[in-house]
């Protein structure tokens, strides 16, 4: 299953649960869908380094968390950061696999030196 297929399945699953979720869980499902769609859209542009972009977005959220004094706002941002962390892991793990598959053994040895 490709990363795009995984994310499409996650969107469908989250949309399925939105109607029964309440409060914070509903908010998190909505944010999850929004962030997955954002990542999928960014991945369409081959000129964007998606891992760097996602890391930058995560750093912005961390800064917002550190600057807020409202616990409810911090909770919302912390949930967003958790979602971004999972997305980052999925996307960048996938990119690492693709990179490793494209490298020859000699190139790997050169990188290690």
PDB file of N, CA and C in Angstrom:
ATOM      1  N   UNK A   1       0.848  -1.171   0.000  1.00  0.00           N
ATOM      2  CA  UNK A   1       0.000   0.000   0.000  1.00  0.00           C
ATOM      3  C   UNK A   1       0.901   1.244   0.000  1.00  0.00           C
ATOM      4  N   UNK A   2       0.661   2.132  -0.933  1.00  0.00           N
ATOM      5  CA  UNK A   2       1.461   3.364  -1.020  1.00  0.00           C
ATOM      6  C   UNK A   2       1.050   4.323   0.095  1.00  0.00           C
ATOM      7  N   UNK A   3       1.879   5.309   0.337  1.00  0.00           N
ATOM      8  CA  UNK A   3       1.583   6.301   1.368  1.00  0.00           C
ATOM      9  C   UNK A   3       0.304   7.060   1.025  1.00  0.00           C
ATOM     10  N   UNK A   4       0.107   7.338  -0.272  1.00  0.00           N
ATOM     11  CA  UNK A   4      -1.107   8.027  -0.686  1.00  0.00           C
ATOM     12  C   UNK A   4      -2.349   7.184  -0.393  1.00  0.00           C
ATOM     13  N   UNK A   5      -2.267   5.894  -0.665  1.00  0.00           N
ATOM     14  CA  UNK A   5      -3.390   4.996  -0.390  1.00  0.00           C
ATOM     15  C   UNK A   5      -3.648   4.897   1.117  1.00  0.00           C
ATOM     16  N   UNK A   6      -2.577   4.831   1.896  1.00  0.00           N
ATOM     17  CA  UNK A   6      -2.710   4.793   3.350  1.00  0.00           C
ATOM     18  C   UNK A   6      -3.440   6.037   3.855  1.00  0.00           C
ATOM     19  N   UNK A   7      -3.030   7.196   3.350  1.00  0.00           N
ATOM     20  CA  UNK A   7      -3.644   8.448   3.792  1.00  0.00           C
ATOM     21  C   UNK A   7      -5.101   8.561   3.341  1.00  0.00           C
ATOM     22  N   UNK A   8      -5.407   8.094   2.123  1.00  0.00           N
ATOM     23  CA  UNK A   8      -6.801   8.107   1.668  1.00  0.00           C
ATOM     24  C   UNK A   8      -7.661   7.211   2.569  1.00  0.00           C
ATOM     25  N   UNK A   9      -7.114   6.068   2.960  1.00  0.00           N
ATOM     26  CA  UNK A   9      -7.842   5.167   3.861  1.00  0.00           C
ATOM     27  C   UNK A   9      -8.038   5.828   5.229  1.00  0.00           C
ATOM     28  N   UNK A  10      -7.030   6.551   5.702  1.00  0.00           N
ATOM     29  CA  UNK A  10      -7.136   7.257   6.983  1.00  0.00           C
ATOM     30  C   UNK A  10      -8.208   8.345   6.923  1.00  0.00           C
ATOM     31  N   UNK A  11      -8.280   9.045   5.798  1.00  0.00           N
ATOM     32  CA  UNK A  11      -9.308  10.073   5.635  1.00  0.00           C
ATOM     33  C   UNK A  11     -10.696   9.435   5.697  1.00  0.00           C
ATOM     34  N   UNK A  12     -10.881   8.347   4.961  1.00  0.00           N
ATOM     35  CA  UNK A  12     -12.189   7.670   4.955  1.00  0.00           C
ATOM     36  C   UNK A  12     -12.565   7.182   6.353  1.00  0.00           C
ATOM     37  N   UNK A  13     -11.605   6.606   7.048  1.00  0.00           N
ATOM     38  CA  UNK A  13     -11.859   6.101   8.396  1.00  0.00           C
ATOM     39  C   UNK A  13     -12.219   7.242   9.349  1.00  0.00           C
ATOM     40  N   UNK A  14     -11.489   8.343   9.268  1.00  0.00           N
ATOM     41  CA  UNK A  14     -11.764   9.497  10.127  1.00  0.00           C
ATOM     42  C   UNK A  14     -13.133  10.094   9.813  1.00  0.00           C
ATOM     43  N   UNK A  15     -13.460  10.185   8.522  1.00  0.00           N
ATOM     44  CA  UNK A  15     -14.767  10.724   8.132  1.00  0.00           C
ATOM     45  C   UNK A  15     -15.905   9.837   8.636  1.00  0.00           C
ATOM     46  N   UNK A  16     -15.645   8.556   8.681  1.00  0.00           N
ATOM     47  CA  UNK A  16     -16.654   7.605   9.160  1.00  0.00           C
ATOM     48  C   UNK A  16     -16.958   7.841  10.641  1.00  0.00           C
ATOM     49  N   UNK A  17     -15.944   8.220  11.411  1.00  0.00           N
ATOM     50  CA  UNK A  17     -16.106   8.394  12.856  1.00  0.00           C
ATOM     51  C   UNK A  17     -16.554   9.797  13.259  1.00  0.00           C
ATOM     52  N   UNK A  18     -16.448  10.769  12.363  1.00  0.00           N
ATOM     53  CA  UNK A  18     -16.783  12.152  12.716  1.00  0.00           C
ATOM     54  C   UNK A  18     -18.214  12.294  13.236  1.00  0.00           C
ATOM     55  N   UNK A  19     -19.146  11.630  12.609  1.00  0.00           N
ATOM     56  CA  UNK A  19     -20.558  11.797  12.982  1.00  0.00           C
ATOM     57  C   UNK A  19     -20.879  11.262  14.372  1.00  0.00           C
ATOM     58  N   UNK A  20     -20.084  10.334  14.871  1.00  0.00           N
ATOM     59  CA  UNK A  20     -20.347   9.782  16.206  1.00  0.00           C
ATOM     60  C   UNK A  20     -19.451  10.392  17.271  1.00  0.00           C
ATOM     61  N   UNK A  21     -18.405  11.106  16.860  1.00  0.00           N
ATOM     62  CA  UNK A  21     -17.461  11.690  17.820  1.00  0.00           C
ATOM     63  C   UNK A  21     -18.024  12.978  18.405  1.00  0.00           C
ATOM     64  N   UNK A  22     -17.519  13.302  19.582  1.00  0.00           N
ATOM     65  CA  UNK A  22     -17.936  14.531  20.250  1.00  0.00           C
ATOM     66  C   UNK A  22     -16.716  15.268  20.776  1.00  0.00           C
ATOM     67  N   UNK A  23     -16.867  16.567  20.961  1.00  0.00           N
ATOM     68  CA  UNK A  23     -15.869  17.395  21.635  1.00  0.00           C
ATOM     69  C   UNK A  23     -14.480  17.328  21.026  1.00  0.00           C
ATOM     70  N   UNK A  24     -13.515  17.033  21.907  1.00  0.00           N
ATOM     71  CA  UNK A  24     -12.104  17.016  21.523  1.00  0.00           C
ATOM     72  C   UNK A  24     -11.837  15.960  20.455  1.00  0.00           C
ATOM     73  N   UNK A  25     -12.482  14.812  20.565  1.00  0.00           N
ATOM     74  CA  UNK A  25     -12.258  13.750  19.583  1.00  0.00           C
ATOM     75  C   UNK A  25     -12.725  14.162  18.189  1.00  0.00           C
ATOM     76  N   UNK A  26     -13.859  14.826  18.138  1.00  0.00           N
ATOM     77  CA  UNK A  26     -14.360  15.309  16.850  1.00  0.00           C
ATOM     78  C   UNK A  26     -13.406  16.364  16.288  1.00  0.00           C
ATOM     79  N   UNK A  27     -12.960  17.287  17.147  1.00  0.00           N
ATOM     80  CA  UNK A  27     -12.010  18.322  16.737  1.00  0.00           C
ATOM     81  C   UNK A  27     -10.738  17.687  16.171  1.00  0.00           C
ATOM     82  N   UNK A  28     -10.225  16.654  16.850  1.00  0.00           N
ATOM     83  CA  UNK A  28      -9.003  15.989  16.399  1.00  0.00           C
ATOM     84  C   UNK A  28      -9.197  15.248  15.080  1.00  0.00           C
ATOM     85  N   UNK A  29     -10.360  14.637  14.893  1.00  0.00           N
ATOM     86  CA  UNK A  29     -10.640  13.956  13.625  1.00  0.00           C
ATOM     87  C   UNK A  29     -10.692  14.956  12.471  1.00  0.00           C
ATOM     88  N   UNK A  30     -11.330  16.096  12.714  1.00  0.00           N
ATOM     89  CA  UNK A  30     -11.405  17.133  11.685  1.00  0.00           C
ATOM     90  C   UNK A  30     -10.009  17.639  11.347  1.00  0.00           C
ATOM     91  N   UNK A  31      -9.185  17.881  12.366  1.00  0.00           N
ATOM     92  CA  UNK A  31      -7.813  18.359  12.149  1.00  0.00           C
ATOM     93  C   UNK A  31      -6.989  17.289  11.435  1.00  0.00           C
ATOM     94  N   UNK A  32      -7.193  16.032  11.780  1.00  0.00           N
ATOM     95  CA  UNK A  32      -6.468  14.917  11.142  1.00  0.00           C
ATOM     96  C   UNK A  32      -6.749  14.899   9.634  1.00  0.00           C
ATOM     97  N   UNK A  33      -8.028  15.009   9.272  1.00  0.00           N
ATOM     98  CA  UNK A  33      -8.406  15.024   7.860  1.00  0.00           C
ATOM     99  C   UNK A  33      -7.767  16.220   7.158  1.00  0.00           C
ATOM    100  N   UNK A  34      -7.870  17.378   7.789  1.00  0.00           N
ATOM    101  CA  UNK A  34      -7.303  18.606   7.213  1.00  0.00           C
ATOM    102  C   UNK A  34      -5.795  18.469   6.976  1.00  0.00           C
ATOM    103  N   UNK A  35      -5.072  17.941   7.949  1.00  0.00           N
ATOM    104  CA  UNK A  35      -3.618  17.813   7.809  1.00  0.00           C
ATOM    105  C   UNK A  35      -3.226  16.746   6.791  1.00  0.00           C
ATOM    106  N   UNK A  36      -3.953  15.649   6.750  1.00  0.00           N
ATOM    107  CA  UNK A  36      -3.659  14.611   5.755  1.00  0.00           C
ATOM    108  C   UNK A  36      -3.868  15.168   4.351  1.00  0.00           C
ATOM    109  N   UNK A  37      -4.954  15.890   4.156  1.00  0.00           N
ATOM    110  CA  UNK A  37      -5.211  16.476   2.832  1.00  0.00           C
ATOM    111  C   UNK A  37      -4.125  17.486   2.480  1.00  0.00           C
ATOM    112  N   UNK A  38      -3.671  18.269   3.462  1.00  0.00           N
ATOM    113  CA  UNK A  38      -2.594  19.234   3.223  1.00  0.00           C
ATOM    114  C   UNK A  38      -1.316  18.514   2.793  1.00  0.00           C
ATOM    115  N   UNK A  39      -0.968  17.442   3.487  1.00  0.00           N
ATOM    116  CA  UNK A  39       0.240  16.684   3.143  1.00  0.00           C
ATOM    117  C   UNK A  39       0.118  16.090   1.742  1.00  0.00           C
ATOM    118  N   UNK A  40      -1.023  15.495   1.443  1.00  0.00           N
ATOM    119  CA  UNK A  40      -1.222  14.913   0.106  1.00  0.00           C
ATOM    120  C   UNK A  40      -1.087  15.970  -0.984  1.00  0.00           C
ATOM    121  N   UNK A  41      -1.624  17.150  -0.729  1.00  0.00           N
ATOM    122  CA  UNK A  41      -1.526  18.241  -1.703  1.00  0.00           C
ATOM    123  C   UNK A  41      -0.069  18.673  -1.900  1.00  0.00           C
ATOM    124  N   UNK A  42       0.669  18.787  -0.796  1.00  0.00           N
ATOM    125  CA  UNK A  42       2.074  19.194  -0.881  1.00  0.00           C
ATOM    126  C   UNK A  42       2.931  18.140  -1.584  1.00  0.00           C
ATOM    127  N   UNK A  43       2.576  16.882  -1.401  1.00  0.00           N
ATOM    128  CA  UNK A  43       3.342  15.794  -2.018  1.00  0.00           C
ATOM    129  C   UNK A  43       3.213  15.781  -3.536  1.00  0.00           C
ATOM    130  N   UNK A  44       2.193  16.435  -4.067  1.00  0.00           N
ATOM    131  CA  UNK A  44       2.011  16.490  -5.526  1.00  0.00           C
ATOM    132  C   UNK A  44       3.085  17.324  -6.205  1.00  0.00           C
ATOM    133  N   UNK A  45       3.690  18.238  -5.460  1.00  0.00           N
ATOM    134  CA  UNK A  45       4.711  19.113  -6.032  1.00  0.00           C
ATOM    135  C   UNK A  45       6.089  18.486  -5.821  1.00  0.00           C
ATOM    136  N   UNK A  46       6.717  17.978  -6.895  1.00  0.00           N
ATOM    137  CA  UNK A  46       8.007  17.300  -6.742  1.00  0.00           C
ATOM    138  C   UNK A  46       9.148  18.246  -6.337  1.00  0.00           C
ATOM    139  N   UNK A  47       8.931  19.537  -6.446  1.00  0.00           N
ATOM    140  CA  UNK A  47       9.983  20.490  -6.084  1.00  0.00           C
ATOM    141  C   UNK A  47      10.012  20.777  -4.586  1.00  0.00           C
ATOM    142  N   UNK A  48       8.995  20.329  -3.876  1.00  0.00           N
ATOM    143  CA  UNK A  48       8.931  20.550  -2.433  1.00  0.00           C
ATOM    144  C   UNK A  48       9.555  19.359  -1.721  1.00  0.00           C
ATOM    145  N   UNK A  49      10.446  19.653  -0.780  1.00  0.00           N
ATOM    146  CA  UNK A  49      10.958  18.606   0.100  1.00  0.00           C
ATOM    147  C   UNK A  49       9.945  18.483   1.228  1.00  0.00           C
ATOM    148  N   UNK A  50       9.082  17.503   1.129  1.00  0.00           N
ATOM    149  CA  UNK A  50       7.946  17.381   2.034  1.00  0.00           C
ATOM    150  C   UNK A  50       8.394  17.192   3.477  1.00  0.00           C
ATOM    151  N   UNK A  51       9.472  16.462   3.701  1.00  0.00           N
ATOM    152  CA  UNK A  51       9.931  16.243   5.077  1.00  0.00           C
ATOM    153  C   UNK A  51      10.394  17.555   5.712  1.00  0.00           C
ATOM    154  N   UNK A  52      11.127  18.356   4.953  1.00  0.00           N
ATOM    155  CA  UNK A  52      11.560  19.658   5.477  1.00  0.00           C
ATOM    156  C   UNK A  52      10.368  20.569   5.730  1.00  0.00           C
ATOM    157  N   UNK A  53       9.403  20.564   4.831  1.00  0.00           N
ATOM    158  CA  UNK A  53       8.205  21.391   4.985  1.00  0.00           C
ATOM    159  C   UNK A  53       7.413  20.975   6.219  1.00  0.00           C
ATOM    160  N   UNK A  54       7.248  19.681   6.397  1.00  0.00           N
ATOM    161  CA  UNK A  54       6.505  19.185   7.556  1.00  0.00           C
ATOM    162  C   UNK A  54       7.245  19.497   8.858  1.00  0.00           C
ATOM    163  N   UNK A  55       8.559  19.337   8.838  1.00  0.00           N
ATOM    164  CA  UNK A  55       9.349  19.650  10.029  1.00  0.00           C
ATOM    165  C   UNK A  55       9.217  21.132  10.387  1.00  0.00           C
ATOM    166  N   UNK A  56       9.225  21.976   9.372  1.00  0.00           N
ATOM    167  CA  UNK A  56       9.065  23.409   9.592  1.00  0.00           C
ATOM    168  C   UNK A  56       7.696  23.711  10.202  1.00  0.00           C
ATOM    169  N   UNK A  57       6.668  23.066   9.678  1.00  0.00           N
ATOM    170  CA  UNK A  57       5.311  23.274  10.206  1.00  0.00           C
ATOM    171  C   UNK A  57       5.226  22.788  11.656  1.00  0.00           C
ATOM    172  N   UNK A  58       5.875  21.674  11.956  1.00  0.00           N
ATOM    173  CA  UNK A  58       5.877  21.160  13.323  1.00  0.00           C
ATOM    174  C   UNK A  58       6.605  22.128  14.259  1.00  0.00           C
ATOM    175  N   UNK A  59       7.694  22.710  13.797  1.00  0.00           N
ATOM    176  CA  UNK A  59       8.423  23.686  14.611  1.00  0.00           C
ATOM    177  C   UNK A  59       7.572  24.922  14.887  1.00  0.00           C
ATOM    178  N   UNK A  60       6.784  25.341  13.911  1.00  0.00           N
ATOM    179  CA  UNK A  60       5.873  26.475  14.117  1.00  0.00           C
ATOM    180  C   UNK A  60       4.839  26.151  15.200  1.00  0.00           C
ATOM    181  N   UNK A  61       4.314  24.934  15.168  1.00  0.00           N
ATOM    182  CA  UNK A  61       3.333  24.532  16.176  1.00  0.00           C
ATOM    183  C   UNK A  61       3.985  24.497  17.562  1.00  0.00           C
ATOM    184  N   UNK A  62       5.210  23.998  17.636  1.00  0.00           N
ATOM    185  CA  UNK A  62       5.929  23.967  18.916  1.00  0.00           C
ATOM    186  C   UNK A  62       6.123  25.378  19.447  1.00  0.00           C
ATOM    187  N   UNK A  63       6.487  26.302  18.575  1.00  0.00           N
ATOM    188  CA  UNK A  63       6.627  27.697  19.001  1.00  0.00           C
ATOM    189  C   UNK A  63       5.311  28.250  19.527  1.00  0.00           C
ATOM    190  N   UNK A  64       4.227  27.939  18.836  1.00  0.00           N
ATOM    191  CA  UNK A  64       2.900  28.397  19.293  1.00  0.00           C
ATOM    192  C   UNK A  64       2.568  27.816  20.664  1.00  0.00           C
ATOM    193  N   UNK A  65       2.879  26.537  20.859  1.00  0.00           N
ATOM    194  CA  UNK A  65       2.623  25.903  22.162  1.00  0.00           C
ATOM    195  C   UNK A  65       3.410  26.632  23.250  1.00  0.00           C
ATOM    196  N   UNK A  66       4.671  26.903  22.971  1.00  0.00           N
ATOM    197  CA  UNK A  66       5.533  27.557  23.961  1.00  0.00           C
ATOM    198  C   UNK A  66       5.106  28.985  24.261  1.00  0.00           C
ATOM    199  N   UNK A  67       4.424  29.630  23.330  1.00  0.00           N
ATOM    200  CA  UNK A  67       4.029  31.024  23.510  1.00  0.00           C
ATOM    201  C   UNK A  67       2.628  31.192  24.080  1.00  0.00           C
ATOM    202  N   UNK A  68       1.862  30.124  24.139  1.00  0.00           N
ATOM    203  CA  UNK A  68       0.491  30.258  24.637  1.00  0.00           C
ATOM    204  C   UNK A  68       0.440  30.047  26.147  1.00  0.00           C
ATOM    205  N   UNK A  69      -0.474  30.753  26.772  1.00  0.00           N
ATOM    206  CA  UNK A  69      -0.685  30.610  28.207  1.00  0.00           C
ATOM    207  C   UNK A  69      -2.059  30.013  28.496  1.00  0.00           C
ATOM    208  N   UNK A  70      -2.768  29.665  27.438  1.00  0.00           N
ATOM    209  CA  UNK A  70      -4.112  29.091  27.549  1.00  0.00           C
ATOM    210  C   UNK A  70      -3.992  27.574  27.418  1.00  0.00           C
ATOM    211  N   UNK A  71      -4.341  26.863  28.468  1.00  0.00           N
ATOM    212  CA  UNK A  71      -4.187  25.409  28.465  1.00  0.00           C
ATOM    213  C   UNK A  71      -5.059  24.735  27.403  1.00  0.00           C
ATOM    214  N   UNK A  72      -6.231  25.291  27.132  1.00  0.00           N
ATOM    215  CA  UNK A  72      -7.098  24.706  26.108  1.00  0.00           C
ATOM    216  C   UNK A  72      -6.502  24.882  24.713  1.00  0.00           C
ATOM    217  N   UNK A  73      -5.917  26.042  24.469  1.00  0.00           N
ATOM    218  CA  UNK A  73      -5.249  26.278  23.185  1.00  0.00           C
ATOM    219  C   UNK A  73      -4.018  25.386  23.054  1.00  0.00           C
ATOM    220  N   UNK A  74      -3.270  25.252  24.150  1.00  0.00           N
ATOM    221  CA  UNK A  74      -2.077  24.394  24.132  1.00  0.00           C
ATOM    222  C   UNK A  74      -2.470  22.943  23.862  1.00  0.00           C
ATOM    223  N   UNK A  75      -3.588  22.501  24.431  1.00  0.00           N
ATOM    224  CA  UNK A  75      -4.057  21.132  24.212  1.00  0.00           C
ATOM    225  C   UNK A  75      -4.385  20.907  22.741  1.00  0.00           C
ATOM    226  N   UNK A  76      -5.069  21.868  22.148  1.00  0.00           N
ATOM    227  CA  UNK A  76      -5.421  21.780  20.727  1.00  0.00           C
ATOM    228  C   UNK A  76      -4.157  21.695  19.870  1.00  0.00           C
ATOM    229  N   UNK A  77      -3.178  22.544  20.180  1.00  0.00           N
ATOM    230  CA  UNK A  77      -1.920  22.559  19.419  1.00  0.00           C
ATOM    231  C   UNK A  77      -1.124  21.280  19.654  1.00  0.00           C
ATOM    232  N   UNK A  78      -1.162  20.769  20.873  1.00  0.00           N
ATOM    233  CA  UNK A  78      -0.448  19.524  21.167  1.00  0.00           C
ATOM    234  C   UNK A  78      -1.038  18.365  20.369  1.00  0.00           C
ATOM    235  N   UNK A  79      -2.358  18.335  20.247  1.00  0.00           N
ATOM    236  CA  UNK A  79      -3.012  17.305  19.431  1.00  0.00           C
ATOM    237  C   UNK A  79      -2.590  17.431  17.968  1.00  0.00           C
ATOM    238  N   UNK A  80      -2.542  18.674  17.473  1.00  0.00           N
ATOM    239  CA  UNK A  80      -2.109  18.913  16.097  1.00  0.00           C
ATOM    240  C   UNK A  80      -0.671  18.431  15.900  1.00  0.00           C
ATOM    241  N   UNK A  81       0.175  18.701  16.878  1.00  0.00           N
ATOM    242  CA  UNK A  81       1.569  18.265  16.795  1.00  0.00           C
ATOM    243  C   UNK A  81       1.670  16.743  16.765  1.00  0.00           C
ATOM    244  N   UNK A  82       0.847  16.083  17.559  1.00  0.00           N
ATOM    245  CA  UNK A  82       0.843  14.618  17.554  1.00  0.00           C
ATOM    246  C   UNK A  82       0.435  14.051  16.201  1.00  0.00           C
ATOM    247  N   UNK A  83      -0.564  14.663  15.589  1.00  0.00           N
ATOM    248  CA  UNK A  83      -1.003  14.233  14.256  1.00  0.00           C
ATOM    249  C   UNK A  83       0.116  14.464  13.245  1.00  0.00           C
ATOM    250  N   UNK A  84       0.732  15.654  13.310  1.00  0.00           N
ATOM    251  CA  UNK A  84       1.836  15.971  12.387  1.00  0.00           C
ATOM    252  C   UNK A  84       3.004  15.014  12.576  1.00  0.00           C
ATOM    253  N   UNK A  85       3.286  14.649  13.812  1.00  0.00           N
ATOM    254  CA  UNK A  85       4.380  13.718  14.096  1.00  0.00           C
ATOM    255  C   UNK A  85       4.126  12.371  13.433  1.00  0.00           C
ATOM    256  N   UNK A  86       2.886  11.875  13.530  1.00  0.00           N
ATOM    257  CA  UNK A  86       2.548  10.606  12.892  1.00  0.00           C
ATOM    258  C   UNK A  86       2.670  10.719  11.368  1.00  0.00           C
ATOM    259  N   UNK A  87       2.156  11.817  10.808  1.00  0.00           N
ATOM    260  CA  UNK A  87       2.243  12.029   9.359  1.00  0.00           C
ATOM    261  C   UNK A  87       3.699  12.112   8.916  1.00  0.00           C
ATOM    262  N   UNK A  88       4.497  12.854   9.680  1.00  0.00           N
ATOM    263  CA  UNK A  88       5.923  13.012   9.372  1.00  0.00           C
ATOM    264  C   UNK A  88       6.613  11.649   9.333  1.00  0.00           C
ATOM    265  N   UNK A  89       6.344  10.837  10.334  1.00  0.00           N
ATOM    266  CA  UNK A  89       6.941   9.501  10.390  1.00  0.00           C
ATOM    267  C   UNK A  89       6.550   8.685   9.159  1.00  0.00           C
ATOM    268  N   UNK A  90       5.270   8.688   8.814  1.00  0.00           N
ATOM    269  CA  UNK A  90       4.794   7.904   7.677  1.00  0.00           C
ATOM    270  C   UNK A  90       5.433   8.362   6.365  1.00  0.00           C
ATOM    271  N   UNK A  91       5.430   9.667   6.134  1.00  0.00           N
ATOM    272  CA  UNK A  91       5.931  10.213   4.866  1.00  0.00           C
ATOM    273  C   UNK A  91       7.444  10.050   4.771  1.00  0.00           C
ATOM    274  N   UNK A  92       8.148  10.416   5.814  1.00  0.00           N
ATOM    275  CA  UNK A  92       9.608  10.427   5.741  1.00  0.00           C
ATOM    276  C   UNK A  92      10.190   9.026   5.804  1.00  0.00           C
ATOM    277  N   UNK A  93       9.508   8.112   6.487  1.00  0.00           N
ATOM    278  CA  UNK A  93       9.910   6.707   6.466  1.00  0.00           C
ATOM    279  C   UNK A  93       9.788   6.177   5.041  1.00  0.00           C
ATOM    280  N   UNK A  94       8.707   6.539   4.370  1.00  0.00           N
ATOM    281  CA  UNK A  94       8.465   6.111   2.995  1.00  0.00           C
ATOM    282  C   UNK A  94       9.536   6.689   2.063  1.00  0.00           C
ATOM    283  N   UNK A  95       9.885   7.949   2.266  1.00  0.00           N
ATOM    284  CA  UNK A  95      10.923   8.573   1.433  1.00  0.00           C
ATOM    285  C   UNK A  95      12.275   7.913   1.671  1.00  0.00           C
ATOM    286  N   UNK A  96      12.577   7.549   2.914  1.00  0.00           N
ATOM    287  CA  UNK A  96      13.842   6.883   3.216  1.00  0.00           C
ATOM    288  C   UNK A  96      13.919   5.526   2.510  1.00  0.00           C
ATOM    289  N   UNK A  97      12.802   4.806   2.484  1.00  0.00           N
ATOM    290  CA  UNK A  97      12.772   3.517   1.785  1.00  0.00           C
ATOM    291  C   UNK A  97      13.045   3.706   0.298  1.00  0.00           C
ATOM    292  N   UNK A  98      12.408   4.709  -0.302  1.00  0.00           N
ATOM    293  CA  UNK A  98      12.602   4.969  -1.725  1.00  0.00           C
ATOM    294  C   UNK A  98      14.046   5.360  -2.012  1.00  0.00           C
ATOM    295  N   UNK A  99      14.626   6.181  -1.146  1.00  0.00           N
ATOM    296  CA  UNK A  99      16.012   6.596  -1.317  1.00  0.00           C
ATOM    297  C   UNK A  99      16.943   5.401  -1.199  1.00  0.00           C
ATOM    298  N   UNK A 100      16.728   4.584  -0.198  1.00  0.00           N
ATOM    299  CA  UNK A 100      17.579   3.410   0.005  1.00  0.00           C
ATOM    300  C   UNK A 100      17.480   2.449  -1.177  1.00  0.00           C
ATOM    301  N   UNK A 101      16.298   2.298  -1.735  1.00  0.00           N
ATOM    302  CA  UNK A 101      16.110   1.400  -2.873  1.00  0.00           C
ATOM    303  C   UNK A 101      16.828   1.914  -4.117  1.00  0.00           C
ATOM    304  N   UNK A 102      16.994   3.236  -4.198  1.00  0.00           N
ATOM    305  CA  UNK A 102      17.622   3.798  -5.390  1.00  0.00           C
ATOM    306  C   UNK A 102      19.143   3.857  -5.287  1.00  0.00           C
ATOM    307  N   UNK A 103      19.676   3.670  -4.093  1.00  0.00           N
ATOM    308  CA  UNK A 103      21.118   3.734  -3.925  1.00  0.00           C
ATOM    309  C   UNK A 103      21.756   2.383  -4.226  1.00  0.00           C
ATOM    310  N   UNK A 104      22.932   2.441  -4.794  1.00  0.00           N
ATOM    311  CA  UNK A 104      23.687   1.209  -5.001  1.00  0.00           C
ATOM    312  C   UNK A 104      24.487   0.931  -3.734  1.00  0.00           C
ATOM    313  N   UNK A 105      25.024  -0.258  -3.629  1.00  0.00           N
ATOM    314  CA  UNK A 105      25.836  -0.607  -2.457  1.00  0.00           C
ATOM    315  C   UNK A 105      27.044   0.306  -2.343  1.00  0.00           C
ATOM    316  N   UNK A 106      27.661   0.666  -3.454  1.00  0.00           N
ATOM    317  CA  UNK A 106      28.823   1.546  -3.434  1.00  0.00           C
ATOM    318  C   UNK A 106      28.450   2.930  -2.881  1.00  0.00           C
ATOM    319  N   UNK A 107      27.315   3.446  -3.319  1.00  0.00           N
ATOM    320  CA  UNK A 107      26.877   4.753  -2.828  1.00  0.00           C
ATOM    321  C   UNK A 107      26.630   4.708  -1.327  1.00  0.00           C
ATOM    322  N   UNK A 108      26.089   3.608  -0.847  1.00  0.00           N
ATOM    323  CA  UNK A 108      25.839   3.456   0.598  1.00  0.00           C
ATOM    324  C   UNK A 108      27.160   3.465   1.347  1.00  0.00           C
ATOM    325  N   UNK A 109      28.146   2.746   0.818  1.00  0.00           N
ATOM    326  CA  UNK A 109      29.461   2.722   1.471  1.00  0.00           C
ATOM    327  C   UNK A 109      30.089   4.119   1.490  1.00  0.00           C
ATOM    328  N   UNK A 110      29.931   4.868   0.410  1.00  0.00           N
ATOM    329  CA  UNK A 110      30.471   6.223   0.349  1.00  0.00           C
ATOM    330  C   UNK A 110      29.807   7.138   1.369  1.00  0.00           C
ATOM    331  N   UNK A 111      28.511   6.975   1.586  1.00  0.00           N
ATOM    332  CA  UNK A 111      27.791   7.789   2.550  1.00  0.00           C
ATOM    333  C   UNK A 111      28.270   7.483   3.960  1.00  0.00           C
ATOM    334  N   UNK A 112      28.566   6.212   4.236  1.00  0.00           N
ATOM    335  CA  UNK A 112      28.981   5.820   5.578  1.00  0.00           C
ATOM    336  C   UNK A 112      30.383   6.305   5.923  1.00  0.00           C
ATOM    337  N   UNK A 113      31.192   6.560   4.914  1.00  0.00           N
ATOM    338  CA  UNK A 113      32.575   7.024   5.171  1.00  0.00           C
ATOM    339  C   UNK A 113      32.630   8.450   5.483  1.00  0.00           C
TER     340      UNK A 113
END
